[in-house]
C-alpha atoms as a PDB file:
ATOM      1  CA  ALA A   1      70.592  99.200  97.046  1.00  0.00           C
ATOM      2  CA  GLY A   2      70.844  96.860 100.379  1.00  0.00           C
ATOM      3  CA  GLY A   3      74.042  96.310 101.872  1.00  0.00           C
ATOM      4  CA  ALA A   4      76.207  98.691 105.044  1.00  0.00           C
ATOM      5  CA  THR A   5      75.957 102.021 104.621  1.00  0.00           C
ATOM      6  CA  GLU A   6      79.006 102.812 106.626  1.00  0.00           C
ATOM      7  CA  PHE A   7      82.077 103.473 104.812  1.00  0.00           C
ATOM      8  CA  ASN A   8      85.155 101.565 105.701  1.00  0.00           C
ATOM      9  CA  TRP A   9      88.569 102.074 105.776  1.00  0.00           C
ATOM     10  CA  ALA A  10      91.072  98.841 105.315  1.00  0.00           C
ATOM     11  CA  TYR A  11      95.199  98.865 105.249  1.00  0.00           C
ATOM     12  CA  PRO A  12      95.573  95.010 105.242  1.00  0.00           C
ATOM     13  CA  PRO A  13      99.283  93.737 105.501  1.00  0.00           C
ATOM     14  CA  HIS A  14      99.952  92.627 101.947  1.00  0.00           C
ATOM     15  CA  SER A  15      99.494  89.073 102.372  1.00  0.00           C
ATOM     16  CA  LEU A  16      96.130  89.349 103.344  1.00  0.00           C
ATOM     17  CA  ILE A  17      95.091  92.109 100.343  1.00  0.00           C
ATOM     18  CA  ALA A  18      93.211  89.156  98.420  1.00  0.00           C
ATOM     19  CA  ASP A  19      91.423  88.288 101.593  1.00  0.00           C
ATOM     20  CA  ALA A  20      90.673  91.788 102.557  1.00  0.00           C
ATOM     21  CA  ALA A  21      88.714  92.296  98.896  1.00  0.00           C
ATOM     22  CA  ALA A  22      87.260  88.921  99.148  1.00  0.00           C
ATOM     23  CA  TYR A  23      85.831  89.743 103.042  1.00  0.00           C
ATOM     24  CA  THR A  24      84.445  92.910 101.638  1.00  0.00           C
ATOM     25  CA  ARG A  25      81.944  91.305  98.924  1.00  0.00           C
ATOM     26  CA  THR A  26      81.014  88.709 101.362  1.00  0.00           C
ATOM     27  CA  CYS A  27      79.929  91.363 103.658  1.00  0.00           C
ATOM     28  CA  LYS A  28      78.752  93.384 101.327  1.00  0.00           C
ATOM     29  CA  ALA A  29      80.760  96.742 101.989  1.00  0.00           C
ATOM     30  CA  TRP A  30      81.953  99.884 101.015  1.00  0.00           C
ATOM     31  CA  THR A  31      85.487 100.004 101.629  1.00  0.00           C
ATOM     32  CA  ALA A  32      88.634 102.289 100.851  1.00  0.00           C
ATOM     33  CA  MET A  33      92.047 100.000 100.683  1.00  0.00           C
ATOM     34  CA  LEU A  34      95.023 101.225 100.752  1.00  0.00           C
ATOM     35  CA  VAL A  35      97.363  98.953  98.538  1.00  0.00           C
ATOM     36  CA  PRO A  36     100.767  98.835  97.309  1.00  0.00           C
ATOM     37  CA  HIS A  37     100.641  99.407  93.156  1.00  0.00           C
ATOM     38  CA  TRP A  38     101.904  96.096  91.809  1.00  0.00           C
ATOM     39  CA  VAL A  39     101.551  93.829  89.108  1.00  0.00           C
ATOM     40  CA  HIS A  40     100.931  90.976  91.294  1.00  0.00           C
ATOM     41  CA  ALA A  41      98.180  88.128  91.043  1.00  0.00           C
ATOM     42  CA  TRP A  42      95.580  89.897  93.471  1.00  0.00           C
ATOM     43  CA  TYR A  43      96.208  93.278  91.594  1.00  0.00           C
ATOM     44  CA  PRO A  44      94.418  93.437  88.185  1.00  0.00           C
ATOM     45  CA  ALA A  45      91.157  91.479  89.595  1.00  0.00           C
ATOM     46  CA  LEU A  46      91.543  93.955  92.551  1.00  0.00           C
ATOM     47  CA  VAL A  47      91.367  96.992  90.356  1.00  0.00           C
ATOM     48  CA  ASN A  48      89.008  95.745  87.554  1.00  0.00           C
ATOM     49  CA  SER A  49      86.496  95.106  90.323  1.00  0.00           C
ATOM     50  CA  ALA A  50      86.785  98.806  92.037  1.00  0.00           C
ATOM     51  CA  ALA A  51      84.492 101.299  92.060  1.00  0.00           C
ATOM     52  CA  VAL A  52      87.778 103.762  91.592  1.00  0.00           C
ATOM     53  CA  ALA A  53      90.965 103.097  91.884  1.00  0.00           C
ATOM     54  CA  PHE A  54      94.058 106.223  91.881  1.00  0.00           C
ATOM     55  CA  PRO A  55      97.348 106.883  93.172  1.00  0.00           C
ATOM     56  CA  LEU A  56      97.944 109.200  96.267  1.00  0.00           C
ATOM     57  CA  PRO A  57      99.066 112.042  95.232  1.00  0.00           C
ATOM     58  CA  VAL A  58     103.234 112.314  95.065  1.00  0.00           C
ATOM     59  CA  GLY A  59     103.982 114.418  98.210  1.00  0.00           C
ATOM     60  CA  ARG A  60     100.577 113.615  99.690  1.00  0.00           C
ATOM     61  CA  THR A  61     101.014 110.413 101.167  1.00  0.00           C
ATOM     62  CA  PRO A  62      99.854 109.168 104.277  1.00  0.00           C
ATOM     63  CA  HIS A  63     102.298 109.311 107.269  1.00  0.00           C
ATOM     64  CA  PHE A  64     103.519 105.773 107.902  1.00  0.00           C
ATOM     65  CA  GLU A  65     105.519 104.640 110.836  1.00  0.00           C
ATOM     66  CA  ARG A  66     107.637 101.245 112.358  1.00  0.00           C
ATOM     67  CA  LEU A  67     108.759 100.017 115.407  1.00  0.00           C
ATOM     68  CA  TYR A  68     111.653  99.849 115.484  1.00  0.00           C
ATOM     69  CA  GLU A  69     113.497  99.179 118.952  1.00  0.00           C
ATOM     70  CA  GLY A  70     110.945  99.499 121.288  1.00  0.00           C
ATOM     71  CA  ALA A  71     110.268 103.159 119.356  1.00  0.00           C
ATOM     72  CA  TRP A  72     108.162 104.146 116.394  1.00  0.00           C
ATOM     73  CA  GLN A  73     109.819 106.178 113.640  1.00  0.00           C
ATOM     74  CA  SER A  74     108.789 107.494 110.331  1.00  0.00           C
ATOM     75  CA  VAL A  75     109.096 105.773 107.054  1.00  0.00           C
ATOM     76  CA  THR A  76     110.697 107.984 105.003  1.00  0.00           C
ATOM     77  CA  ALA A  77     111.283 105.761 101.514  1.00  0.00           C
ATOM     78  CA  HIS A  78     108.586 103.171 100.708  1.00  0.00           C
ATOM     79  CA  LEU A  79     109.227 100.186  98.346  1.00  0.00           C
ATOM     80  CA  PHE A  80     105.943 100.949  96.542  1.00  0.00           C
ATOM     81  CA  GLU A  81     103.191 103.383  95.537  1.00  0.00           C
ATOM     82  CA  PRO A  82     100.471 103.392  97.364  1.00  0.00           C
ATOM     83  CA  TRP A  83      96.691 103.473  95.756  1.00  0.00           C
ATOM     84  CA  VAL A  84      93.568 103.666  96.742  1.00  0.00           C
ATOM     85  CA  ILE A  85      90.809 100.821  95.838  1.00  0.00           C
ATOM     86  CA  VAL A  86      87.007 101.793  96.883  1.00  0.00           C
ATOM     87  CA  LEU A  87      85.225  98.490  96.654  1.00  0.00           C
ATOM     88  CA  ASP A  88      81.689  99.265  96.992  1.00  0.00           C
ATOM     89  CA  HIS A  89      79.997  95.606  97.127  1.00  0.00           C
ATOM     90  CA  ARG A  90      76.635  97.326  98.565  1.00  0.00           C
ATOM     91  CA  GLY A  91      74.304  96.581  95.472  1.00  0.00           C
ATOM     92  CA  ASP A  92      75.796  93.056  95.065  1.00  0.00           C
ATOM     93  CA  ARG A  93      72.934  90.093  95.204  1.00  0.00           C
ATOM     94  CA  GLY A  94      74.090  86.809  96.138  1.00  0.00           C
END
């Protein structure tokens, strides 16, 4: 099928997840997005359009850092369960 052959990785800001997902469709991209597992306006549609959706294994979550007072610090407590959503729009037409 047509479309991009590259695999993309995205971790958009939470407020831009729906826009980032729409952009993958526009670009006919193959993308893995790290998203919070939230029952939110965009979440059910995103999961339903995913080729694959799965939670990251417990204890195997990515290393998150935040900038605090000019220094990077590890984030040890998360406000969400991170999920990977794989969107494959390479074969989309139109």
